[in-house]
Amino acid sequence: MRSVATLRASQGAPGPVAAAPAGFGAIVEHAEQTFAARLDGHPVAIPAAHARATRTLPGGGELALRTAHWTASAHGDMRWVRLRSPKIDIVSVFFYPHAHRSLPLYAMEFVLLGKRPIVAVMDLVAPRADADARITAARILQTAHSRHPEQLNHPDAPSWFEDCRSGNDFFLRPAGEGLAAFAAADGIHAALWTDLLDAIAGGTPAAAGLAAERAAFVADYKAHHRANSPGLPLLHKSFGQDWTDDFLANGFFGP
C-alpha cells in the first residue's frame, strides 16, 4: 500500500517524512497536517470520554476508539474517528463546511476486518439549492473518476447510503488482502482531500441567502449517518448504548 505519508512527500508538502503510522494511521496524520497547513486549522477540545475509549477483548488485546475534532474558523470543521483492534481497522474522516461558505461536505470511510477489505467509501455532497457547492463537488469527484476509470462502484451499496450519496461518489469493495488492498482507494482519498482543500483555500464564493439551507443540510446528513451507521452494533456491543448514543449525538455527528 502506498502510504499517504509517501504520497505527501511526493507532492512536496511541508514537514519531515517519517515512517507511516501502522494501519490507517497515515490517513489521520495526513488529514490533520494538511488541514492545519492549508487552512490554519487547529484541534478543538472535546470530552475525554469521546476522545478515547477502550475495551479489553475476551481473547486478549484491546479495541480502541480514538477521535479528534479540528476547526478552520473561516471555512468549516474536520472530524476523524478510528477504531482499531488486532482484527479491526476502521477510519472515517468528515469535513463539515460552515453555513456561510459554498462548499461541499466530504465523507470517507475505510473498513478492514482481519485481512479482508470490506469497503472504501468517499463522497462530496451539497444541498440541491447550492449550485456552486454542487459544481465543486462534481468537478472534484469526476476528476478522480477520470484518473481511476478502473475503480468501478460496487452495485451492492446499502439503501441508507443510496439515500444520501451524490451520484459521483466512490463505493468500492477493494480486492486483495490486508492494507495493500486499499492502495488505490488511499490514493483516491488523498487526491480528493487535496483538491477539496485547494477549493476551500481558493475562496469558493458563497451564494446569498442559502446559509439556513446549508446548515440544515449538514445537520440532516449527520442525523442520517447517526441513525444508519453500520458501526452501531459494534459500538453498542463494545462501549454500551448510552456511551454510543452520546458519542454520536454530541460528538462525531453532533453540533
C-alpha atoms as a PDB file:
ATOM      1  CA  MET A   1       0.000   0.000   0.000  1.00  0.00           C
ATOM      2  CA  ARG A   2       1.342   3.404  -0.953  1.00  0.00           C
ATOM      3  CA  SER A   3       1.070   5.296   2.297  1.00  0.00           C
ATOM      4  CA  VAL A   4      -0.370   8.786   2.464  1.00  0.00           C
ATOM      5  CA  ALA A   5       2.912   9.822   4.069  1.00  0.00           C
ATOM      6  CA  THR A   6       4.715   8.743   0.904  1.00  0.00           C
ATOM      7  CA  LEU A   7       2.157  10.493  -1.270  1.00  0.00           C
ATOM      8  CA  ARG A   8       2.541  13.658   0.786  1.00  0.00           C
ATOM      9  CA  ALA A   9       6.307  13.610   0.259  1.00  0.00           C
ATOM     10  CA  SER A  10       5.879  13.155  -3.486  1.00  0.00           C
ATOM     11  CA  GLN A  11       3.580  16.181  -3.613  1.00  0.00           C
ATOM     12  CA  GLY A  12       6.179  18.333  -1.901  1.00  0.00           C
ATOM     13  CA  ALA A  13       4.052  19.171   1.146  1.00  0.00           C
ATOM     14  CA  PRO A  14       5.890  20.649   4.135  1.00  0.00           C
ATOM     15  CA  GLY A  15       7.060  18.662   7.089  1.00  0.00           C
ATOM     16  CA  PRO A  16       9.503  15.820   7.685  1.00  0.00           C
ATOM     17  CA  VAL A  17       8.734  12.427   6.203  1.00  0.00           C
ATOM     18  CA  ALA A  18       8.586   9.762   8.894  1.00  0.00           C
ATOM     19  CA  ALA A  19       7.601   6.129   8.822  1.00  0.00           C
ATOM     20  CA  ALA A  20       3.874   5.854   8.218  1.00  0.00           C
ATOM     21  CA  PRO A  21       1.821   5.019  11.293  1.00  0.00           C
ATOM     22  CA  ALA A  22       0.514   1.469  11.410  1.00  0.00           C
ATOM     23  CA  GLY A  23      -2.694   0.661   9.588  1.00  0.00           C
ATOM     24  CA  PHE A  24      -4.806   3.623   8.550  1.00  0.00           C
ATOM     25  CA  GLY A  25      -2.960   5.967  10.885  1.00  0.00           C
ATOM     26  CA  ALA A  26      -1.302   7.740   7.950  1.00  0.00           C
ATOM     27  CA  ILE A  27      -4.717   8.884   6.724  1.00  0.00           C
ATOM     28  CA  VAL A  28      -5.439  10.592  10.034  1.00  0.00           C
ATOM     29  CA  GLU A  29      -1.963  12.114  10.180  1.00  0.00           C
ATOM     30  CA  HIS A  30      -2.273  13.472   6.650  1.00  0.00           C
ATOM     31  CA  ALA A  31      -5.726  14.946   7.301  1.00  0.00           C
ATOM     32  CA  GLU A  32      -4.548  16.796  10.398  1.00  0.00           C
ATOM     33  CA  GLN A  33      -1.308  18.067   8.896  1.00  0.00           C
ATOM     34  CA  THR A  34      -2.865  19.354   5.687  1.00  0.00           C
ATOM     35  CA  PHE A  35      -5.916  20.856   7.436  1.00  0.00           C
ATOM     36  CA  ALA A  36      -3.552  22.796   9.680  1.00  0.00           C
ATOM     37  CA  ALA A  37      -1.131  23.821   6.936  1.00  0.00           C
ATOM     38  CA  ARG A  38      -3.621  24.794   4.213  1.00  0.00           C
ATOM     39  CA  LEU A  39      -6.494  26.239   6.250  1.00  0.00           C
ATOM     40  CA  ASP A  40      -4.842  27.297   9.520  1.00  0.00           C
ATOM     41  CA  GLY A  41      -6.911  24.635  11.244  1.00  0.00           C
ATOM     42  CA  HIS A  42      -6.441  23.680  14.875  1.00  0.00           C
ATOM     43  CA  PRO A  43      -7.800  20.992  17.214  1.00  0.00           C
ATOM     44  CA  VAL A  44     -10.857  21.642  19.356  1.00  0.00           C
ATOM     45  CA  ALA A  45     -11.170  20.389  22.930  1.00  0.00           C
ATOM     46  CA  ILE A  46     -13.662  17.534  23.274  1.00  0.00           C
ATOM     47  CA  PRO A  47     -14.676  15.415  26.286  1.00  0.00           C
ATOM     48  CA  ALA A  48     -12.028  12.891  27.263  1.00  0.00           C
ATOM     49  CA  ALA A  49     -14.662  10.165  27.178  1.00  0.00           C
ATOM     50  CA  HIS A  50     -15.198  10.878  23.472  1.00  0.00           C
ATOM     51  CA  ALA A  51     -11.555  11.336  22.560  1.00  0.00           C
ATOM     52  CA  ARG A  52     -10.557   7.874  23.747  1.00  0.00           C
ATOM     53  CA  ALA A  53     -12.488   4.729  24.594  1.00  0.00           C
ATOM     54  CA  THR A  54     -11.137   1.219  25.035  1.00  0.00           C
ATOM     55  CA  ARG A  55     -12.441  -2.275  25.649  1.00  0.00           C
ATOM     56  CA  THR A  56     -10.389  -5.315  26.656  1.00  0.00           C
ATOM     57  CA  LEU A  57     -11.231  -8.188  24.357  1.00  0.00           C
ATOM     58  CA  PRO A  58     -12.082 -11.643  25.771  1.00  0.00           C
ATOM     59  CA  GLY A  59      -9.298 -13.354  23.868  1.00  0.00           C
ATOM     60  CA  GLY A  60      -6.731 -10.716  24.712  1.00  0.00           C
ATOM     61  CA  GLY A  61      -5.848  -7.449  23.086  1.00  0.00           C
ATOM     62  CA  GLU A  62      -7.774  -4.215  23.041  1.00  0.00           C
ATOM     63  CA  LEU A  63     -10.383  -2.480  20.928  1.00  0.00           C
ATOM     64  CA  ALA A  64      -9.541   1.207  20.914  1.00  0.00           C
ATOM     65  CA  LEU A  65     -11.531   4.148  19.595  1.00  0.00           C
ATOM     66  CA  ARG A  66      -9.813   7.478  19.011  1.00  0.00           C
ATOM     67  CA  THR A  67     -11.297  10.655  17.617  1.00  0.00           C
ATOM     68  CA  ALA A  68     -10.432  14.325  17.213  1.00  0.00           C
ATOM     69  CA  HIS A  69     -12.235  17.476  16.115  1.00  0.00           C
ATOM     70  CA  TRP A  70     -10.494  20.278  14.217  1.00  0.00           C
ATOM     71  CA  THR A  71     -11.783  23.615  13.021  1.00  0.00           C
ATOM     72  CA  ALA A  72     -10.769  26.245  10.495  1.00  0.00           C
ATOM     73  CA  SER A  73     -12.949  29.088  11.660  1.00  0.00           C
ATOM     74  CA  ALA A  74     -13.281  30.711   8.243  1.00  0.00           C
ATOM     75  CA  HIS A  75     -14.239  27.501   6.471  1.00  0.00           C
ATOM     76  CA  GLY A  76     -15.538  24.514   8.445  1.00  0.00           C
ATOM     77  CA  ASP A  77     -14.780  21.602  10.735  1.00  0.00           C
ATOM     78  CA  MET A  78     -12.879  18.366  10.211  1.00  0.00           C
ATOM     79  CA  ARG A  79     -13.502  15.297  12.364  1.00  0.00           C
ATOM     80  CA  TRP A  80     -11.958  11.871  12.241  1.00  0.00           C
ATOM     81  CA  VAL A  81     -12.527   8.650  14.128  1.00  0.00           C
ATOM     82  CA  ARG A  82     -10.505   5.468  14.153  1.00  0.00           C
ATOM     83  CA  LEU A  83     -11.478   2.095  15.605  1.00  0.00           C
ATOM     84  CA  ARG A  84      -8.719  -0.478  15.903  1.00  0.00           C
ATOM     85  CA  SER A  85      -8.058  -3.901  17.390  1.00  0.00           C
ATOM     86  CA  PRO A  86      -5.848  -6.818  16.360  1.00  0.00           C
ATOM     87  CA  LYS A  87      -8.534  -7.767  13.800  1.00  0.00           C
ATOM     88  CA  ILE A  88     -10.247  -4.445  13.035  1.00  0.00           C
ATOM     89  CA  ASP A  89      -9.091  -1.233  11.394  1.00  0.00           C
ATOM     90  CA  ILE A  90     -11.708   1.409  10.558  1.00  0.00           C
ATOM     91  CA  VAL A  91     -11.129   5.066   9.745  1.00  0.00           C
ATOM     92  CA  SER A  92     -13.562   7.862   8.897  1.00  0.00           C
ATOM     93  CA  VAL A  93     -12.788  11.473   8.002  1.00  0.00           C
ATOM     94  CA  PHE A  94     -15.511  14.115   7.567  1.00  0.00           C
ATOM     95  CA  PHE A  95     -15.394  17.782   6.591  1.00  0.00           C
ATOM     96  CA  TYR A  96     -18.436  19.842   7.558  1.00  0.00           C
ATOM     97  CA  PRO A  97     -18.478  23.259   5.833  1.00  0.00           C
ATOM     98  CA  HIS A  98     -19.690  26.297   7.737  1.00  0.00           C
ATOM     99  CA  ALA A  99     -23.033  27.660   6.590  1.00  0.00           C
ATOM    100  CA  HIS A 100     -21.559  30.894   5.225  1.00  0.00           C
ATOM    101  CA  ARG A 101     -19.347  29.016   2.747  1.00  0.00           C
ATOM    102  CA  SER A 102     -20.487  27.490  -0.531  1.00  0.00           C
ATOM    103  CA  LEU A 103     -18.567  24.251  -0.096  1.00  0.00           C
ATOM    104  CA  PRO A 104     -19.378  20.532  -0.255  1.00  0.00           C
ATOM    105  CA  LEU A 105     -19.366  18.195   2.718  1.00  0.00           C
ATOM    106  CA  TYR A 106     -16.750  15.426   2.495  1.00  0.00           C
ATOM    107  CA  ALA A 107     -17.170  11.939   3.945  1.00  0.00           C
ATOM    108  CA  MET A 108     -14.901   8.911   3.704  1.00  0.00           C
ATOM    109  CA  GLU A 109     -14.607   5.547   5.441  1.00  0.00           C
ATOM    110  CA  PHE A 110     -12.313   2.552   5.010  1.00  0.00           C
ATOM    111  CA  VAL A 111     -13.089  -0.738   6.759  1.00  0.00           C
ATOM    112  CA  LEU A 112     -10.690  -3.672   7.143  1.00  0.00           C
ATOM    113  CA  LEU A 113     -11.658  -6.763   9.158  1.00  0.00           C
ATOM    114  CA  GLY A 114      -8.768  -9.118   9.688  1.00  0.00           C
ATOM    115  CA  LYS A 115      -7.167  -9.381   6.257  1.00  0.00           C
ATOM    116  CA  ARG A 116     -10.479  -8.842   4.495  1.00  0.00           C
ATOM    117  CA  PRO A 117     -11.111  -5.409   2.970  1.00  0.00           C
ATOM    118  CA  ILE A 118     -14.796  -4.580   3.435  1.00  0.00           C
ATOM    119  CA  VAL A 119     -15.399  -1.191   1.869  1.00  0.00           C
ATOM    120  CA  ALA A 120     -13.870   2.110   0.799  1.00  0.00           C
ATOM    121  CA  VAL A 121     -16.368   4.970   0.526  1.00  0.00           C
ATOM    122  CA  MET A 122     -15.635   8.567  -0.492  1.00  0.00           C
ATOM    123  CA  ASP A 123     -18.137  11.257  -1.371  1.00  0.00           C
ATOM    124  CA  LEU A 124     -18.684  15.009  -1.641  1.00  0.00           C
ATOM    125  CA  VAL A 125     -22.255  16.233  -1.205  1.00  0.00           C
ATOM    126  CA  ALA A 126     -24.028  19.586  -1.089  1.00  0.00           C
ATOM    127  CA  PRO A 127     -27.547  20.980  -0.808  1.00  0.00           C
ATOM    128  CA  ARG A 128     -29.590  20.857  -4.002  1.00  0.00           C
ATOM    129  CA  ALA A 129     -30.072  24.637  -3.868  1.00  0.00           C
ATOM    130  CA  ASP A 130     -26.334  25.385  -3.575  1.00  0.00           C
ATOM    131  CA  ALA A 131     -25.257  25.200  -7.215  1.00  0.00           C
ATOM    132  CA  ASP A 132     -21.701  26.428  -6.565  1.00  0.00           C
ATOM    133  CA  ALA A 133     -21.009  23.747  -3.948  1.00  0.00           C
ATOM    134  CA  ARG A 134     -22.557  21.028  -6.126  1.00  0.00           C
ATOM    135  CA  ILE A 135     -20.421  22.093  -9.095  1.00  0.00           C
ATOM    136  CA  THR A 136     -17.300  21.968  -6.913  1.00  0.00           C
ATOM    137  CA  ALA A 137     -18.211  18.508  -5.609  1.00  0.00           C
ATOM    138  CA  ALA A 138     -18.948  17.138  -9.079  1.00  0.00           C
ATOM    139  CA  ARG A 139     -15.740  18.569 -10.549  1.00  0.00           C
ATOM    140  CA  ILE A 140     -13.531  17.061  -7.837  1.00  0.00           C
ATOM    141  CA  LEU A 141     -15.208  13.645  -7.931  1.00  0.00           C
ATOM    142  CA  GLN A 142     -15.398  13.425 -11.714  1.00  0.00           C
ATOM    143  CA  THR A 143     -11.714  14.329 -11.968  1.00  0.00           C
ATOM    144  CA  ALA A 144     -10.907  11.486  -9.565  1.00  0.00           C
ATOM    145  CA  HIS A 145     -13.008   9.047 -11.603  1.00  0.00           C
ATOM    146  CA  SER A 146     -11.233  10.109 -14.780  1.00  0.00           C
ATOM    147  CA  ARG A 147      -7.890   9.370 -13.112  1.00  0.00           C
ATOM    148  CA  HIS A 148      -9.084   5.941 -11.944  1.00  0.00           C
ATOM    149  CA  PRO A 149     -11.506   4.558 -14.556  1.00  0.00           C
ATOM    150  CA  GLU A 150     -10.706   1.035 -13.378  1.00  0.00           C
ATOM    151  CA  GLN A 151     -12.226   1.738  -9.953  1.00  0.00           C
ATOM    152  CA  LEU A 152     -15.875   0.887 -10.550  1.00  0.00           C
ATOM    153  CA  ASN A 153     -18.506   1.287  -7.877  1.00  0.00           C
ATOM    154  CA  HIS A 154     -19.845  -1.949  -6.444  1.00  0.00           C
ATOM    155  CA  PRO A 155     -23.575  -2.414  -7.047  1.00  0.00           C
ATOM    156  CA  ASP A 156     -24.442  -3.551  -3.507  1.00  0.00           C
ATOM    157  CA  ALA A 157     -24.472  -0.193  -1.698  1.00  0.00           C
ATOM    158  CA  PRO A 158     -26.974  -0.270   1.194  1.00  0.00           C
ATOM    159  CA  SER A 159     -30.221   1.610   0.818  1.00  0.00           C
ATOM    160  CA  TRP A 160     -29.347   4.121   3.542  1.00  0.00           C
ATOM    161  CA  PHE A 161     -26.267   5.145   1.541  1.00  0.00           C
ATOM    162  CA  GLU A 162     -28.292   5.342  -1.664  1.00  0.00           C
ATOM    163  CA  ASP A 163     -30.440   7.922   0.130  1.00  0.00           C
ATOM    164  CA  CYS A 164     -27.536  10.325   0.715  1.00  0.00           C
ATOM    165  CA  ARG A 165     -24.923   9.665  -1.984  1.00  0.00           C
ATOM    166  CA  SER A 166     -24.015  12.288  -4.579  1.00  0.00           C
ATOM    167  CA  GLY A 167     -24.063  10.022  -7.622  1.00  0.00           C
ATOM    168  CA  ASN A 168     -20.409  10.827  -8.366  1.00  0.00           C
ATOM    169  CA  ASP A 169     -19.156   9.025  -5.249  1.00  0.00           C
ATOM    170  CA  PHE A 170     -16.821   6.074  -4.818  1.00  0.00           C
ATOM    171  CA  PHE A 171     -18.331   2.952  -3.237  1.00  0.00           C
ATOM    172  CA  LEU A 172     -15.611   0.332  -3.617  1.00  0.00           C
ATOM    173  CA  ARG A 173     -15.142  -3.256  -2.500  1.00  0.00           C
ATOM    174  CA  PRO A 174     -11.323  -3.467  -2.654  1.00  0.00           C
ATOM    175  CA  ALA A 175      -9.861  -6.701  -3.992  1.00  0.00           C
ATOM    176  CA  GLY A 176      -6.964  -8.449  -2.297  1.00  0.00           C
ATOM    177  CA  GLU A 177      -5.917  -8.818   1.309  1.00  0.00           C
ATOM    178  CA  GLY A 178      -4.969  -6.500   4.122  1.00  0.00           C
ATOM    179  CA  LEU A 179      -3.904  -2.888   3.830  1.00  0.00           C
ATOM    180  CA  ALA A 180      -2.450  -3.457   0.375  1.00  0.00           C
ATOM    181  CA  ALA A 181      -5.977  -3.847  -0.960  1.00  0.00           C
ATOM    182  CA  PHE A 182      -6.614  -0.173  -0.146  1.00  0.00           C
ATOM    183  CA  ALA A 183      -3.704   1.187  -2.188  1.00  0.00           C
ATOM    184  CA  ALA A 184      -5.879   2.634  -4.940  1.00  0.00           C
ATOM    185  CA  ALA A 185      -8.526   3.943  -2.541  1.00  0.00           C
ATOM    186  CA  ASP A 186      -5.788   5.529  -0.427  1.00  0.00           C
ATOM    187  CA  GLY A 187      -4.549   7.477  -3.430  1.00  0.00           C
ATOM    188  CA  ILE A 188      -8.069   8.498  -4.452  1.00  0.00           C
ATOM    189  CA  HIS A 189      -8.840   9.792  -0.969  1.00  0.00           C
ATOM    190  CA  ALA A 190      -5.578  11.744  -0.806  1.00  0.00           C
ATOM    191  CA  ALA A 191      -6.318  13.395  -4.167  1.00  0.00           C
ATOM    192  CA  LEU A 192      -9.929  14.197  -3.230  1.00  0.00           C
ATOM    193  CA  TRP A 193      -8.803  15.700   0.066  1.00  0.00           C
ATOM    194  CA  THR A 194      -6.102  17.770  -1.629  1.00  0.00           C
ATOM    195  CA  ASP A 195      -8.490  19.037  -4.298  1.00  0.00           C
ATOM    196  CA  LEU A 196     -11.078  19.898  -1.642  1.00  0.00           C
ATOM    197  CA  LEU A 197      -8.549  21.868   0.397  1.00  0.00           C
ATOM    198  CA  ASP A 198      -7.495  23.683  -2.790  1.00  0.00           C
ATOM    199  CA  ALA A 199     -11.124  24.644  -3.427  1.00  0.00           C
ATOM    200  CA  ILE A 200     -11.579  25.798   0.160  1.00  0.00           C
ATOM    201  CA  ALA A 201      -8.374  27.833   0.212  1.00  0.00           C
ATOM    202  CA  GLY A 202      -9.241  29.280  -3.182  1.00  0.00           C
ATOM    203  CA  GLY A 203     -12.170  31.137  -1.697  1.00  0.00           C
ATOM    204  CA  THR A 204     -15.224  29.461  -3.180  1.00  0.00           C
ATOM    205  CA  PRO A 205     -17.896  32.195  -3.262  1.00  0.00           C
ATOM    206  CA  ALA A 206     -20.927  31.981  -1.016  1.00  0.00           C
ATOM    207  CA  ALA A 207     -24.374  32.139  -2.569  1.00  0.00           C
ATOM    208  CA  ALA A 208     -26.504  34.723  -0.814  1.00  0.00           C
ATOM    209  CA  GLY A 209     -29.451  33.570   1.232  1.00  0.00           C
ATOM    210  CA  LEU A 210     -28.518  29.905   1.500  1.00  0.00           C
ATOM    211  CA  ALA A 211     -26.962  29.786   4.972  1.00  0.00           C
ATOM    212  CA  ALA A 212     -30.078  28.249   6.518  1.00  0.00           C
ATOM    213  CA  GLU A 213     -30.292  25.594   3.796  1.00  0.00           C
ATOM    214  CA  ARG A 214     -26.619  24.721   4.204  1.00  0.00           C
ATOM    215  CA  ALA A 215     -26.887  24.424   7.985  1.00  0.00           C
ATOM    216  CA  ALA A 216     -29.993  22.226   7.676  1.00  0.00           C
ATOM    217  CA  PHE A 217     -28.308  20.037   5.055  1.00  0.00           C
ATOM    218  CA  VAL A 218     -25.280  19.357   7.260  1.00  0.00           C
ATOM    219  CA  ALA A 219     -27.490  18.681  10.287  1.00  0.00           C
ATOM    220  CA  ASP A 220     -29.665  16.261   8.298  1.00  0.00           C
ATOM    221  CA  TYR A 221     -26.610  14.481   6.871  1.00  0.00           C
ATOM    222  CA  LYS A 222     -25.206  13.981  10.360  1.00  0.00           C
ATOM    223  CA  ALA A 223     -28.560  12.723  11.662  1.00  0.00           C
ATOM    224  CA  HIS A 224     -28.878  10.283   8.747  1.00  0.00           C
ATOM    225  CA  HIS A 225     -25.439   8.822   9.434  1.00  0.00           C
ATOM    226  CA  ARG A 226     -26.044   8.783  13.183  1.00  0.00           C
ATOM    227  CA  ALA A 227     -29.170   6.684  12.698  1.00  0.00           C
ATOM    228  CA  ASN A 228     -27.816   4.366   9.989  1.00  0.00           C
ATOM    229  CA  SER A 229     -24.109   3.914  10.706  1.00  0.00           C
ATOM    230  CA  PRO A 230     -23.103   0.286  10.015  1.00  0.00           C
ATOM    231  CA  GLY A 231     -20.813   0.542  13.045  1.00  0.00           C
ATOM    232  CA  LEU A 232     -23.681   0.914  15.522  1.00  0.00           C
ATOM    233  CA  PRO A 233     -23.848  -2.781  16.542  1.00  0.00           C
ATOM    234  CA  LEU A 234     -20.094  -2.906  17.163  1.00  0.00           C
ATOM    235  CA  LEU A 235     -20.118   0.345  19.147  1.00  0.00           C
ATOM    236  CA  HIS A 236     -23.129  -0.730  21.214  1.00  0.00           C
ATOM    237  CA  LYS A 237     -21.563  -4.095  21.999  1.00  0.00           C
ATOM    238  CA  SER A 238     -18.150  -2.644  22.773  1.00  0.00           C
ATOM    239  CA  PHE A 239     -18.929   0.563  24.661  1.00  0.00           C
ATOM    240  CA  GLY A 240     -22.622   0.368  25.547  1.00  0.00           C
ATOM    241  CA  GLN A 241     -25.652   2.061  24.038  1.00  0.00           C
ATOM    242  CA  ASP A 242     -25.597   5.100  26.348  1.00  0.00           C
ATOM    243  CA  TRP A 243     -21.977   5.923  25.535  1.00  0.00           C
ATOM    244  CA  THR A 244     -22.510   5.287  21.826  1.00  0.00           C
ATOM    245  CA  ASP A 245     -25.610   7.456  21.630  1.00  0.00           C
ATOM    246  CA  ASP A 246     -23.833  10.291  23.439  1.00  0.00           C
ATOM    247  CA  PHE A 247     -20.677   9.936  21.320  1.00  0.00           C
ATOM    248  CA  LEU A 248     -22.609  10.104  18.046  1.00  0.00           C
ATOM    249  CA  ALA A 249     -25.240  12.693  19.007  1.00  0.00           C
ATOM    250  CA  ASN A 250     -22.982  15.065  20.915  1.00  0.00           C
ATOM    251  CA  GLY A 251     -19.618  14.138  19.416  1.00  0.00           C
ATOM    252  CA  PHE A 252     -18.752  12.822  15.981  1.00  0.00           C
ATOM    253  CA  PHE A 253     -22.129  13.526  14.352  1.00  0.00           C
ATOM    254  CA  GLY A 254     -23.076  16.226  16.832  1.00  0.00           C
ATOM    255  CA  PRO A 255     -23.240  20.030  16.533  1.00  0.00           C
END
